[in-house]
PDB file of N, CA and C in Angstrom:
ATOM      1  N   ALA A   1       0.842  -1.195   0.000  1.00  0.00           N
ATOM      2  CA  ALA A   1       0.000   0.000   0.000  1.00  0.00           C
ATOM      3  C   ALA A   1       0.874   1.239   0.000  1.00  0.00           C
ATOM      4  N   SER A   2       0.358   2.291  -0.573  1.00  0.00           N
ATOM      5  CA  SER A   2       1.065   3.572  -0.546  1.00  0.00           C
ATOM      6  C   SER A   2       0.523   4.428   0.588  1.00  0.00           C
ATOM      7  N   PHE A   3       1.232   5.493   0.879  1.00  0.00           N
ATOM      8  CA  PHE A   3       0.829   6.365   1.972  1.00  0.00           C
ATOM      9  C   PHE A   3      -0.142   7.425   1.487  1.00  0.00           C
ATOM     10  N   ASP A   4      -1.143   7.699   2.297  1.00  0.00           N
ATOM     11  CA  ASP A   4      -2.055   8.818   2.128  1.00  0.00           C
ATOM     12  C   ASP A   4      -1.941   9.614   3.415  1.00  0.00           C
ATOM     13  N   GLY A   5      -1.179  10.706   3.371  1.00  0.00           N
ATOM     14  CA  GLY A   5      -0.859  11.412   4.609  1.00  0.00           C
ATOM     15  C   GLY A   5       0.088  10.552   5.421  1.00  0.00           C
ATOM     16  N   ASN A   6      -0.244  10.322   6.670  1.00  0.00           N
ATOM     17  CA  ASN A   6       0.577   9.478   7.537  1.00  0.00           C
ATOM     18  C   ASN A   6       0.075   8.039   7.614  1.00  0.00           C
ATOM     19  N   GLU A   7      -0.956   7.718   6.858  1.00  0.00           N
ATOM     20  CA  GLU A   7      -1.550   6.381   6.881  1.00  0.00           C
ATOM     21  C   GLU A   7      -1.140   5.602   5.635  1.00  0.00           C
ATOM     22  N   GLN A   8      -0.723   4.369   5.836  1.00  0.00           N
ATOM     23  CA  GLN A   8      -0.356   3.517   4.701  1.00  0.00           C
ATOM     24  C   GLN A   8      -1.598   2.748   4.259  1.00  0.00           C
ATOM     25  N   ASN A   9      -2.494   3.465   3.556  1.00  0.00           N
ATOM     26  CA  ASN A   9      -3.773   2.876   3.183  1.00  0.00           C
ATOM     27  C   ASN A   9      -4.146   3.098   1.720  1.00  0.00           C
ATOM     28  N   SER A  10      -3.287   3.732   0.947  1.00  0.00           N
ATOM     29  CA  SER A  10      -3.539   4.045  -0.466  1.00  0.00           C
ATOM     30  C   SER A  10      -4.803   4.879  -0.655  1.00  0.00           C
ATOM     31  N   GLY A  11      -5.307   5.455   0.416  1.00  0.00           N
ATOM     32  CA  GLY A  11      -6.506   6.263   0.322  1.00  0.00           C
ATOM     33  C   GLY A  11      -7.787   5.477   0.477  1.00  0.00           C
ATOM     34  N   ILE A  12      -7.699   4.155   0.610  1.00  0.00           N
ATOM     35  CA  ILE A  12      -8.889   3.323   0.811  1.00  0.00           C
ATOM     36  C   ILE A  12      -9.011   3.042   2.308  1.00  0.00           C
ATOM     37  N   ILE A  13     -10.094   3.523   2.899  1.00  0.00           N
ATOM     38  CA  ILE A  13     -10.294   3.400   4.338  1.00  0.00           C
ATOM     39  C   ILE A  13     -10.993   2.100   4.693  1.00  0.00           C
ATOM     40  N   SER A  14     -12.038   1.752   3.930  1.00  0.00           N
ATOM     41  CA  SER A  14     -12.797   0.538   4.230  1.00  0.00           C
ATOM     42  C   SER A  14     -13.619   0.133   3.013  1.00  0.00           C
ATOM     43  N   ALA A  15     -14.176  -1.058   3.088  1.00  0.00           N
ATOM     44  CA  ALA A  15     -15.059  -1.579   2.046  1.00  0.00           C
ATOM     45  C   ALA A  15     -16.402  -1.905   2.675  1.00  0.00           C
ATOM     46  N   ASN A  16     -17.463  -1.754   1.883  1.00  0.00           N
ATOM     47  CA  ASN A  16     -18.787  -2.168   2.341  1.00  0.00           C
ATOM     48  C   ASN A  16     -19.572  -2.672   1.136  1.00  0.00           C
ATOM     49  N   ALA A  17     -20.825  -2.999   1.326  1.00  0.00           N
ATOM     50  CA  ALA A  17     -21.633  -3.580   0.255  1.00  0.00           C
ATOM     51  C   ALA A  17     -21.808  -2.628  -0.931  1.00  0.00           C
ATOM     52  N   ASN A  18     -21.667  -1.322  -0.707  1.00  0.00           N
ATOM     53  CA  ASN A  18     -21.884  -0.336  -1.768  1.00  0.00           C
ATOM     54  C   ASN A  18     -20.614   0.081  -2.493  1.00  0.00           C
ATOM     55  N   GLY A  19     -19.459  -0.307  -1.984  1.00  0.00           N
ATOM     56  CA  GLY A  19     -18.203   0.074  -2.607  1.00  0.00           C
ATOM     57  C   GLY A  19     -17.117   0.285  -1.573  1.00  0.00           C
ATOM     58  N   TYR A  20     -16.293   1.310  -1.776  1.00  0.00           N
ATOM     59  CA  TYR A  20     -15.130   1.553  -0.922  1.00  0.00           C
ATOM     60  C   TYR A  20     -15.138   2.997  -0.431  1.00  0.00           C
ATOM     61  N   VAL A  21     -14.868   3.167   0.855  1.00  0.00           N
ATOM     62  CA  VAL A  21     -14.743   4.494   1.438  1.00  0.00           C
ATOM     63  C   VAL A  21     -13.298   4.939   1.219  1.00  0.00           C
ATOM     64  N   VAL A  22     -13.141   6.105   0.585  1.00  0.00           N
ATOM     65  CA  VAL A  22     -11.814   6.601   0.219  1.00  0.00           C
ATOM     66  C   VAL A  22     -11.621   8.028   0.733  1.00  0.00           C
ATOM     67  N   THR A  23     -10.372   8.452   0.774  1.00  0.00           N
ATOM     68  CA  THR A  23     -10.022   9.785   1.252  1.00  0.00           C
ATOM     69  C   THR A  23     -10.115  10.821   0.128  1.00  0.00           C
ATOM     70  N   SER A  24     -10.057  12.078   0.513  1.00  0.00           N
ATOM     71  CA  SER A  24     -10.041  13.166  -0.475  1.00  0.00           C
ATOM     72  C   SER A  24      -8.805  13.091  -1.360  1.00  0.00           C
ATOM     73  N   HIS A  25      -7.684  12.653  -0.784  1.00  0.00           N
ATOM     74  CA  HIS A  25      -6.460  12.518  -1.582  1.00  0.00           C
ATOM     75  C   HIS A  25      -6.639  11.449  -2.657  1.00  0.00           C
ATOM     76  N   PHE A  26      -7.307  10.341  -2.326  1.00  0.00           N
ATOM     77  CA  PHE A  26      -7.625   9.322  -3.326  1.00  0.00           C
ATOM     78  C   PHE A  26      -8.467   9.954  -4.429  1.00  0.00           C
ATOM     79  N   ARG A  27      -9.475  10.722  -4.049  1.00  0.00           N
ATOM     80  CA  ARG A  27     -10.336  11.399  -5.039  1.00  0.00           C
ATOM     81  C   ARG A  27      -9.499  12.279  -5.964  1.00  0.00           C
ATOM     82  N   ASP A  28      -8.556  13.022  -5.413  1.00  0.00           N
ATOM     83  CA  ASP A  28      -7.695  13.875  -6.228  1.00  0.00           C
ATOM     84  C   ASP A  28      -6.897  13.042  -7.240  1.00  0.00           C
ATOM     85  N   ARG A  29      -6.323  11.925  -6.778  1.00  0.00           N
ATOM     86  CA  ARG A  29      -5.553  11.056  -7.678  1.00  0.00           C
ATOM     87  C   ARG A  29      -6.454  10.454  -8.753  1.00  0.00           C
ATOM     88  N   TYR A  30      -7.656  10.021  -8.343  1.00  0.00           N
ATOM     89  CA  TYR A  30      -8.631   9.453  -9.273  1.00  0.00           C
ATOM     90  C   TYR A  30      -8.968  10.459 -10.372  1.00  0.00           C
ATOM     91  N   ASN A  31      -9.317  11.687  -9.984  1.00  0.00           N
ATOM     92  CA  ASN A  31      -9.700  12.692 -10.970  1.00  0.00           C
ATOM     93  C   ASN A  31      -8.541  13.096 -11.867  1.00  0.00           C
ATOM     94  N   ALA A  32      -7.329  13.081 -11.343  1.00  0.00           N
ATOM     95  CA  ALA A  32      -6.161  13.378 -12.176  1.00  0.00           C
ATOM     96  C   ALA A  32      -5.993  12.311 -13.262  1.00  0.00           C
ATOM     97  N   LEU A  33      -6.208  11.053 -12.906  1.00  0.00           N
ATOM     98  CA  LEU A  33      -6.109   9.976 -13.896  1.00  0.00           C
ATOM     99  C   LEU A  33      -7.261  10.028 -14.890  1.00  0.00           C
ATOM    100  N   VAL A  34      -8.457  10.378 -14.417  1.00  0.00           N
ATOM    101  CA  VAL A  34      -9.606  10.523 -15.324  1.00  0.00           C
ATOM    102  C   VAL A  34      -9.310  11.603 -16.362  1.00  0.00           C
ATOM    103  N   ALA A  35      -8.668  12.686 -15.948  1.00  0.00           N
ATOM    104  CA  ALA A  35      -8.331  13.767 -16.883  1.00  0.00           C
ATOM    105  C   ALA A  35      -7.387  13.288 -17.979  1.00  0.00           C
ATOM    106  N   ILE A  36      -6.524  12.334 -17.656  1.00  0.00           N
ATOM    107  CA  ILE A  36      -5.551  11.823 -18.627  1.00  0.00           C
ATOM    108  C   ILE A  36      -6.137  10.681 -19.460  1.00  0.00           C
ATOM    109  N   TYR A  37      -6.734   9.699 -18.799  1.00  0.00           N
ATOM    110  CA  TYR A  37      -7.136   8.450 -19.464  1.00  0.00           C
ATOM    111  C   TYR A  37      -8.648   8.234 -19.600  1.00  0.00           C
ATOM    112  N   GLY A  38      -9.454   9.125 -19.060  1.00  0.00           N
ATOM    113  CA  GLY A  38     -10.899   8.902 -19.030  1.00  0.00           C
ATOM    114  C   GLY A  38     -11.544   8.685 -20.382  1.00  0.00           C
ATOM    115  N   ARG A  39     -10.979   9.267 -21.419  1.00  0.00           N
ATOM    116  CA  ARG A  39     -11.544   9.123 -22.765  1.00  0.00           C
ATOM    117  C   ARG A  39     -11.237   7.759 -23.391  1.00  0.00           C
ATOM    118  N   ASP A  40     -10.364   6.986 -22.763  1.00  0.00           N
ATOM    119  CA  ASP A  40      -9.958   5.700 -23.329  1.00  0.00           C
ATOM    120  C   ASP A  40     -10.938   4.563 -23.027  1.00  0.00           C
ATOM    121  N   PHE A  41     -11.984   4.839 -22.275  1.00  0.00           N
ATOM    122  CA  PHE A  41     -12.974   3.811 -21.968  1.00  0.00           C
ATOM    123  C   PHE A  41     -14.132   3.896 -22.957  1.00  0.00           C
ATOM    124  N   THR A  42     -14.834   2.790 -23.156  1.00  0.00           N
ATOM    125  CA  THR A  42     -15.961   2.743 -24.092  1.00  0.00           C
ATOM    126  C   THR A  42     -16.962   3.839 -23.761  1.00  0.00           C
ATOM    127  N   VAL A  43     -17.280   3.983 -22.489  1.00  0.00           N
ATOM    128  CA  VAL A  43     -18.085   5.110 -22.020  1.00  0.00           C
ATOM    129  C   VAL A  43     -17.100   6.065 -21.354  1.00  0.00           C
ATOM    130  N   PRO A  44     -16.794   7.189 -22.010  1.00  0.00           N
ATOM    131  CA  PRO A  44     -15.802   8.107 -21.448  1.00  0.00           C
ATOM    132  C   PRO A  44     -16.154   8.525 -20.029  1.00  0.00           C
ATOM    133  N   MET A  45     -15.127   8.648 -19.215  1.00  0.00           N
ATOM    134  CA  MET A  45     -15.306   9.003 -17.810  1.00  0.00           C
ATOM    135  C   MET A  45     -15.193  10.511 -17.629  1.00  0.00           C
ATOM    136  N   LYS A  46     -15.885  10.998 -16.604  1.00  0.00           N
ATOM    137  CA  LYS A  46     -15.818  12.395 -16.204  1.00  0.00           C
ATOM    138  C   LYS A  46     -15.323  12.449 -14.757  1.00  0.00           C
ATOM    139  N   PRO A  47     -14.786  13.593 -14.328  1.00  0.00           N
ATOM    140  CA  PRO A  47     -14.365  13.710 -12.931  1.00  0.00           C
ATOM    141  C   PRO A  47     -15.512  13.339 -11.981  1.00  0.00           C
ATOM    142  N   ASP A  48     -15.154  12.661 -10.925  1.00  0.00           N
ATOM    143  CA  ASP A  48     -16.080  12.235  -9.868  1.00  0.00           C
ATOM    144  C   ASP A  48     -17.069  11.155 -10.290  1.00  0.00           C
ATOM    145  N   ASP A  49     -16.906  10.556 -11.485  1.00  0.00           N
ATOM    146  CA  ASP A  49     -17.766   9.431 -11.855  1.00  0.00           C
ATOM    147  C   ASP A  49     -17.660   8.344 -10.791  1.00  0.00           C
ATOM    148  N   GLY A  50     -18.795   7.864 -10.321  1.00  0.00           N
ATOM    149  CA  GLY A  50     -18.817   6.778  -9.352  1.00  0.00           C
ATOM    150  C   GLY A  50     -18.506   7.179  -7.931  1.00  0.00           C
ATOM    151  N   LEU A  51     -18.280   8.460  -7.674  1.00  0.00           N
ATOM    152  CA  LEU A  51     -17.964   8.940  -6.325  1.00  0.00           C
ATOM    153  C   LEU A  51     -19.164   9.651  -5.712  1.00  0.00           C
ATOM    154  N   GLN A  52     -19.378   9.388  -4.424  1.00  0.00           N
ATOM    155  CA  GLN A  52     -20.405  10.091  -3.652  1.00  0.00           C
ATOM    156  C   GLN A  52     -19.750  10.613  -2.393  1.00  0.00           C
ATOM    157  N   SER A  53     -20.006  11.869  -2.077  1.00  0.00           N
ATOM    158  CA  SER A  53     -19.443  12.452  -0.864  1.00  0.00           C
ATOM    159  C   SER A  53     -20.126  11.861   0.369  1.00  0.00           C
ATOM    160  N   ILE A  54     -19.304  11.433   1.333  1.00  0.00           N
ATOM    161  CA  ILE A  54     -19.822  10.958   2.620  1.00  0.00           C
ATOM    162  C   ILE A  54     -19.678  12.077   3.643  1.00  0.00           C
ATOM    163  N   SER A  55     -18.520  12.716   3.621  1.00  0.00           N
ATOM    164  CA  SER A  55     -18.237  13.858   4.492  1.00  0.00           C
ATOM    165  C   SER A  55     -17.272  14.755   3.727  1.00  0.00           C
ATOM    166  N   GLY A  56     -16.797  15.796   4.366  1.00  0.00           N
ATOM    167  CA  GLY A  56     -15.865  16.684   3.691  1.00  0.00           C
ATOM    168  C   GLY A  56     -14.559  16.023   3.296  1.00  0.00           C
ATOM    169  N   SER A  57     -14.209  14.921   3.967  1.00  0.00           N
ATOM    170  CA  SER A  57     -12.915  14.299   3.698  1.00  0.00           C
ATOM    171  C   SER A  57     -13.007  12.835   3.267  1.00  0.00           C
ATOM    172  N   THR A  58     -14.210  12.298   3.144  1.00  0.00           N
ATOM    173  CA  THR A  58     -14.345  10.903   2.705  1.00  0.00           C
ATOM    174  C   THR A  58     -15.395  10.796   1.606  1.00  0.00           C
ATOM    175  N   TRP A  59     -15.159   9.812   0.754  1.00  0.00           N
ATOM    176  CA  TRP A  59     -16.002   9.578  -0.415  1.00  0.00           C
ATOM    177  C   TRP A  59     -16.273   8.088  -0.542  1.00  0.00           C
ATOM    178  N   LEU A  60     -17.368   7.735  -1.201  1.00  0.00           N
ATOM    179  CA  LEU A  60     -17.678   6.349  -1.533  1.00  0.00           C
ATOM    180  C   LEU A  60     -17.490   6.193  -3.029  1.00  0.00           C
ATOM    181  N   ILE A  61     -16.673   5.216  -3.439  1.00  0.00           N
ATOM    182  CA  ILE A  61     -16.492   4.910  -4.860  1.00  0.00           C
ATOM    183  C   ILE A  61     -17.060   3.521  -5.120  1.00  0.00           C
ATOM    184  N   ASP A  62     -17.803   3.385  -6.221  1.00  0.00           N
ATOM    185  CA  ASP A  62     -18.387   2.075  -6.531  1.00  0.00           C
ATOM    186  C   ASP A  62     -17.313   1.133  -7.084  1.00  0.00           C
ATOM    187  N   ARG A  63     -17.650  -0.135  -7.126  1.00  0.00           N
ATOM    188  CA  ARG A  63     -16.681  -1.163  -7.518  1.00  0.00           C
ATOM    189  C   ARG A  63     -16.186  -1.000  -8.959  1.00  0.00           C
ATOM    190  N   GLN A  64     -17.079  -0.663  -9.880  1.00  0.00           N
ATOM    191  CA  GLN A  64     -16.679  -0.511 -11.278  1.00  0.00           C
ATOM    192  C   GLN A  64     -15.672   0.626 -11.429  1.00  0.00           C
ATOM    193  N   ASP A  65     -15.946   1.748 -10.800  1.00  0.00           N
ATOM    194  CA  ASP A  65     -15.042   2.883 -10.964  1.00  0.00           C
ATOM    195  C   ASP A  65     -13.732   2.676 -10.222  1.00  0.00           C
ATOM    196  N   LEU A  66     -13.740   1.924  -9.120  1.00  0.00           N
ATOM    197  CA  LEU A  66     -12.474   1.572  -8.470  1.00  0.00           C
ATOM    198  C   LEU A  66     -11.656   0.686  -9.401  1.00  0.00           C
ATOM    199  N   SER A  67     -12.313  -0.248 -10.077  1.00  0.00           N
ATOM    200  CA  SER A  67     -11.615  -1.112 -11.027  1.00  0.00           C
ATOM    201  C   SER A  67     -10.995  -0.281 -12.152  1.00  0.00           C
ATOM    202  N   GLN A  68     -11.728   0.704 -12.643  1.00  0.00           N
ATOM    203  CA  GLN A  68     -11.190   1.559 -13.697  1.00  0.00           C
ATOM    204  C   GLN A  68     -10.048   2.426 -13.171  1.00  0.00           C
ATOM    205  N   PHE A  69     -10.135   2.872 -11.915  1.00  0.00           N
ATOM    206  CA  PHE A  69      -9.030   3.607 -11.303  1.00  0.00           C
ATOM    207  C   PHE A  69      -7.774   2.741 -11.297  1.00  0.00           C
ATOM    208  N   LEU A  70      -7.905   1.479 -10.880  1.00  0.00           N
ATOM    209  CA  LEU A  70      -6.752   0.579 -10.820  1.00  0.00           C
ATOM    210  C   LEU A  70      -6.146   0.377 -12.214  1.00  0.00           C
ATOM    211  N   GLU A  71      -7.007   0.288 -13.220  1.00  0.00           N
ATOM    212  CA  GLU A  71      -6.514   0.132 -14.592  1.00  0.00           C
ATOM    213  C   GLU A  71      -5.754   1.385 -15.038  1.00  0.00           C
ATOM    214  N   MET A  72      -6.329   2.568 -14.787  1.00  0.00           N
ATOM    215  CA  MET A  72      -5.661   3.811 -15.166  1.00  0.00           C
ATOM    216  C   MET A  72      -4.358   3.989 -14.400  1.00  0.00           C
ATOM    217  N   ASN A  73      -4.350   3.611 -13.131  1.00  0.00           N
ATOM    218  CA  ASN A  73      -3.140   3.714 -12.317  1.00  0.00           C
ATOM    219  C   ASN A  73      -2.037   2.826 -12.887  1.00  0.00           C
ATOM    220  N   ALA A  74      -2.400   1.625 -13.341  1.00  0.00           N
ATOM    221  CA  ALA A  74      -1.417   0.718 -13.957  1.00  0.00           C
ATOM    222  C   ALA A  74      -0.883   1.322 -15.250  1.00  0.00           C
ATOM    223  N   TRP A  75      -1.745   1.926 -16.043  1.00  0.00           N
ATOM    224  CA  TRP A  75      -1.297   2.578 -17.286  1.00  0.00           C
ATOM    225  C   TRP A  75      -0.308   3.686 -16.970  1.00  0.00           C
ATOM    226  N   SER A  76      -0.643   4.476 -15.955  1.00  0.00           N
ATOM    227  CA  SER A  76       0.220   5.596 -15.574  1.00  0.00           C
ATOM    228  C   SER A  76       1.580   5.106 -15.092  1.00  0.00           C
ATOM    229  N   ARG A  77       1.586   4.090 -14.246  1.00  0.00           N
ATOM    230  CA  ARG A  77       2.846   3.543 -13.725  1.00  0.00           C
ATOM    231  C   ARG A  77       3.698   2.938 -14.832  1.00  0.00           C
ATOM    232  N   ALA A  78       3.034   2.418 -15.872  1.00  0.00           N
ATOM    233  CA  ALA A  78       3.759   1.837 -17.001  1.00  0.00           C
ATOM    234  C   ALA A  78       4.224   2.909 -17.991  1.00  0.00           C
ATOM    235  N   GLY A  79       3.828   4.158 -17.758  1.00  0.00           N
ATOM    236  CA  GLY A  79       4.228   5.243 -18.639  1.00  0.00           C
ATOM    237  C   GLY A  79       3.494   5.265 -19.962  1.00  0.00           C
ATOM    238  N   LEU A  80       2.306   4.654 -20.001  1.00  0.00           N
ATOM    239  CA  LEU A  80       1.545   4.606 -21.252  1.00  0.00           C
ATOM    240  C   LEU A  80       0.870   5.938 -21.529  1.00  0.00           C
ATOM    241  N   GLU A  81       0.897   6.334 -22.777  1.00  0.00           N
ATOM    242  CA  GLU A  81       0.196   7.531 -23.219  1.00  0.00           C
ATOM    243  C   GLU A  81      -1.282   7.181 -23.401  1.00  0.00           C
ATOM    244  N   PRO A  82      -2.172   8.137 -23.202  1.00  0.00           N
ATOM    245  CA  PRO A  82      -3.585   7.849 -23.478  1.00  0.00           C
ATOM    246  C   PRO A  82      -3.773   7.542 -24.958  1.00  0.00           C
ATOM    247  N   GLN A  83      -4.699   6.635 -25.257  1.00  0.00           N
ATOM    248  CA  GLN A  83      -4.971   6.292 -26.656  1.00  0.00           C
ATOM    249  C   GLN A  83      -5.767   7.381 -27.340  1.00  0.00           C
ATOM    250  N   THR A  84      -6.609   8.069 -26.585  1.00  0.00           N
ATOM    251  CA  THR A  84      -7.451   9.130 -27.125  1.00  0.00           C
ATOM    252  C   THR A  84      -6.923  10.459 -26.608  1.00  0.00           C
ATOM    253  N   LYS A  85      -6.505  11.311 -27.498  1.00  0.00           N
ATOM    254  CA  LYS A  85      -5.949  12.608 -27.106  1.00  0.00           C
ATOM    255  C   LYS A  85      -7.066  13.567 -26.710  1.00  0.00           C
ATOM    256  N   LYS A  86      -6.736  14.551 -25.883  1.00  0.00           N
ATOM    257  CA  LYS A  86      -7.729  15.517 -25.387  1.00  0.00           C
ATOM    258  C   LYS A  86      -8.410  16.283 -26.498  1.00  0.00           C
ATOM    259  N   ASP A  87      -7.732  16.549 -27.604  1.00  0.00           N
ATOM    260  CA  ASP A  87      -8.312  17.365 -28.661  1.00  0.00           C
ATOM    261  C   ASP A  87      -9.147  16.554 -29.640  1.00  0.00           C
ATOM    262  N   GLN A  88      -9.331  15.280 -29.397  1.00  0.00           N
ATOM    263  CA  GLN A  88     -10.137  14.458 -30.314  1.00  0.00           C
ATOM    264  C   GLN A  88     -11.561  14.399 -29.852  1.00  0.00           C
TER     265      GLN A  88
END
């Protein structure tokens, strides 16, 4: 796991039947990846897709969008360029 602040939790606090409770920092990382790779999915992604605010510092992300986050994160770590450019 990576650190989110002083916690080694990758920004995922807990899981429940509706998805995963995540931190605001996770949300920031998610939206940054959506800005880069969101157009590469069959249904293009927009910022905050699949996220619901629980409190000012926690969010709920559904399972599908967490899966897409993990895919985009792997693309980013591998240094892959987005297949669909922003101007297309």
